[in-house]
């Protein structure tokens, strides 16, 4: 709990997953609305195309954000390991 209040750990990765599923849900809802609004075979194909395109773009957006935060976590781990190795190799007075 201390990590959460002092911003030592991120909850953003959990939020990214939630937002991804929310964007997928909105993609389907909007695609179905497009199908109903335009109607016919043109509306169906347009709505289906919208669903597929927005689902792919949502996935790309979520993956980019996840990669950014995972890179930060890995850099933080590397930094901690370097600090530990520097403390071990520093001669003491």
C-alpha atoms as a PDB file:
ATOM      1  CA  UNK A   1       0.000   0.000   0.000  1.00  0.00           C
ATOM      2  CA  UNK A   2       2.923   2.302   0.727  1.00  0.00           C
ATOM      3  CA  UNK A   3       4.145   1.877  -2.875  1.00  0.00           C
ATOM      4  CA  UNK A   4       0.803   3.123  -4.144  1.00  0.00           C
ATOM      5  CA  UNK A   5       0.687   6.265  -2.012  1.00  0.00           C
ATOM      6  CA  UNK A   6       4.305   7.252  -2.596  1.00  0.00           C
ATOM      7  CA  UNK A   7       4.153   6.560  -6.363  1.00  0.00           C
ATOM      8  CA  UNK A   8       6.811   3.865  -6.218  1.00  0.00           C
ATOM      9  CA  UNK A   9       4.704   1.485  -8.296  1.00  0.00           C
ATOM     10  CA  UNK A  10       2.344   2.155 -11.163  1.00  0.00           C
ATOM     11  CA  UNK A  11      -1.265   1.113 -11.485  1.00  0.00           C
ATOM     12  CA  UNK A  12      -1.262   2.405 -15.039  1.00  0.00           C
ATOM     13  CA  UNK A  13      -0.706  -1.015 -16.589  1.00  0.00           C
ATOM     14  CA  UNK A  14      -3.926  -2.241 -15.000  1.00  0.00           C
ATOM     15  CA  UNK A  15      -5.726   0.850 -16.223  1.00  0.00           C
ATOM     16  CA  UNK A  16      -4.400   0.291 -19.755  1.00  0.00           C
ATOM     17  CA  UNK A  17      -6.019  -3.158 -19.861  1.00  0.00           C
ATOM     18  CA  UNK A  18      -9.331  -1.735 -18.635  1.00  0.00           C
ATOM     19  CA  UNK A  19      -9.244   1.103 -21.170  1.00  0.00           C
ATOM     20  CA  UNK A  20      -8.396  -1.359 -23.956  1.00  0.00           C
ATOM     21  CA  UNK A  21     -11.468  -3.475 -23.212  1.00  0.00           C
ATOM     22  CA  UNK A  22     -13.576  -0.335 -22.927  1.00  0.00           C
ATOM     23  CA  UNK A  23     -12.351   0.841 -26.345  1.00  0.00           C
ATOM     24  CA  UNK A  24     -13.177  -2.567 -27.836  1.00  0.00           C
ATOM     25  CA  UNK A  25     -16.679  -2.398 -26.414  1.00  0.00           C
ATOM     26  CA  UNK A  26     -17.167   1.102 -27.794  1.00  0.00           C
ATOM     27  CA  UNK A  27     -15.869  -0.054 -31.187  1.00  0.00           C
ATOM     28  CA  UNK A  28     -18.505  -2.774 -31.373  1.00  0.00           C
ATOM     29  CA  UNK A  29     -21.289  -0.464 -30.190  1.00  0.00           C
ATOM     30  CA  UNK A  30     -20.336   2.241 -32.705  1.00  0.00           C
ATOM     31  CA  UNK A  31     -19.993  -0.303 -35.509  1.00  0.00           C
ATOM     32  CA  UNK A  32     -23.472  -1.669 -34.823  1.00  0.00           C
ATOM     33  CA  UNK A  33     -24.846   1.875 -34.712  1.00  0.00           C
ATOM     34  CA  UNK A  34     -23.248   2.589 -38.099  1.00  0.00           C
ATOM     35  CA  UNK A  35     -24.818  -0.590 -39.477  1.00  0.00           C
ATOM     36  CA  UNK A  36     -28.241   0.480 -38.239  1.00  0.00           C
ATOM     37  CA  UNK A  37     -27.933   4.101 -39.336  1.00  0.00           C
ATOM     38  CA  UNK A  38     -26.748   3.480 -42.897  1.00  0.00           C
ATOM     39  CA  UNK A  39     -28.630   0.231 -43.430  1.00  0.00           C
ATOM     40  CA  UNK A  40     -28.359  -2.309 -46.218  1.00  0.00           C
ATOM     41  CA  UNK A  41     -25.259  -4.132 -47.333  1.00  0.00           C
ATOM     42  CA  UNK A  42     -23.279  -0.890 -47.482  1.00  0.00           C
ATOM     43  CA  UNK A  43     -24.060  -0.152 -43.853  1.00  0.00           C
ATOM     44  CA  UNK A  44     -23.131  -3.670 -42.838  1.00  0.00           C
ATOM     45  CA  UNK A  45     -19.774  -3.567 -44.602  1.00  0.00           C
ATOM     46  CA  UNK A  46     -19.037  -0.047 -43.353  1.00  0.00           C
ATOM     47  CA  UNK A  47     -19.892  -1.006 -39.769  1.00  0.00           C
ATOM     48  CA  UNK A  48     -17.859  -4.197 -39.965  1.00  0.00           C
ATOM     49  CA  UNK A  49     -14.898  -2.304 -41.416  1.00  0.00           C
ATOM     50  CA  UNK A  50     -15.200   0.273 -38.619  1.00  0.00           C
ATOM     51  CA  UNK A  51     -15.255  -2.448 -35.955  1.00  0.00           C
ATOM     52  CA  UNK A  52     -12.178  -4.192 -37.358  1.00  0.00           C
ATOM     53  CA  UNK A  53     -10.195  -1.003 -37.923  1.00  0.00           C
ATOM     54  CA  UNK A  54     -10.990   0.528 -34.543  1.00  0.00           C
ATOM     55  CA  UNK A  55     -10.246  -2.771 -32.763  1.00  0.00           C
ATOM     56  CA  UNK A  56      -6.817  -2.938 -34.441  1.00  0.00           C
ATOM     57  CA  UNK A  57      -6.053   0.694 -33.636  1.00  0.00           C
ATOM     58  CA  UNK A  58      -7.159   0.187 -30.025  1.00  0.00           C
ATOM     59  CA  UNK A  59      -4.804  -2.759 -29.708  1.00  0.00           C
ATOM     60  CA  UNK A  60      -1.883  -0.794 -31.177  1.00  0.00           C
ATOM     61  CA  UNK A  61      -2.554   2.127 -28.818  1.00  0.00           C
ATOM     62  CA  UNK A  62      -2.726  -0.158 -25.769  1.00  0.00           C
ATOM     63  CA  UNK A  63       0.452  -2.017 -26.758  1.00  0.00           C
ATOM     64  CA  UNK A  64       2.402   1.207 -27.263  1.00  0.00           C
ATOM     65  CA  UNK A  65       1.426   2.393 -23.796  1.00  0.00           C
ATOM     66  CA  UNK A  66       2.242  -0.991 -22.264  1.00  0.00           C
ATOM     67  CA  UNK A  67       5.681  -1.035 -23.912  1.00  0.00           C
ATOM     68  CA  UNK A  68       6.464   2.434 -22.594  1.00  0.00           C
ATOM     69  CA  UNK A  69       5.637   1.465 -19.022  1.00  0.00           C
ATOM     70  CA  UNK A  70       7.420  -1.896 -19.253  1.00  0.00           C
ATOM     71  CA  UNK A  71      10.535  -0.134 -20.541  1.00  0.00           C
ATOM     72  CA  UNK A  72      10.398   2.129 -17.499  1.00  0.00           C
ATOM     73  CA  UNK A  73      10.084  -0.858 -15.165  1.00  0.00           C
ATOM     74  CA  UNK A  74      13.060  -2.583 -16.796  1.00  0.00           C
ATOM     75  CA  UNK A  75      15.169   0.585 -16.643  1.00  0.00           C
ATOM     76  CA  UNK A  76      14.291   0.935 -12.973  1.00  0.00           C
ATOM     77  CA  UNK A  77      15.427  -2.655 -12.328  1.00  0.00           C
ATOM     78  CA  UNK A  78      18.678  -2.067 -14.224  1.00  0.00           C
ATOM     79  CA  UNK A  79      19.305   1.095 -12.206  1.00  0.00           C
ATOM     80  CA  UNK A  80      18.722  -0.736  -8.920  1.00  0.00           C
ATOM     81  CA  UNK A  81      21.124  -3.512  -9.957  1.00  0.00           C
ATOM     82  CA  UNK A  82      23.778  -0.978 -10.925  1.00  0.00           C
ATOM     83  CA  UNK A  83      23.400   0.818  -7.606  1.00  0.00           C
ATOM     84  CA  UNK A  84      23.817  -2.482  -5.748  1.00  0.00           C
ATOM     85  CA  UNK A  85      26.906  -3.414  -7.730  1.00  0.00           C
ATOM     86  CA  UNK A  86      28.393   0.041  -7.189  1.00  0.00           C
ATOM     87  CA  UNK A  87      27.861  -0.267  -3.441  1.00  0.00           C
ATOM     88  CA  UNK A  88      29.602  -3.648  -3.408  1.00  0.00           C
ATOM     89  CA  UNK A  89      32.591  -2.487  -5.443  1.00  0.00           C
ATOM     90  CA  UNK A  90      33.144   0.817  -3.599  1.00  0.00           C
ATOM     91  CA  UNK A  91      36.068   0.564  -1.155  1.00  0.00           C
ATOM     92  CA  UNK A  92      35.245   1.490   2.408  1.00  0.00           C
ATOM     93  CA  UNK A  93      37.367   3.828   4.508  1.00  0.00           C
END
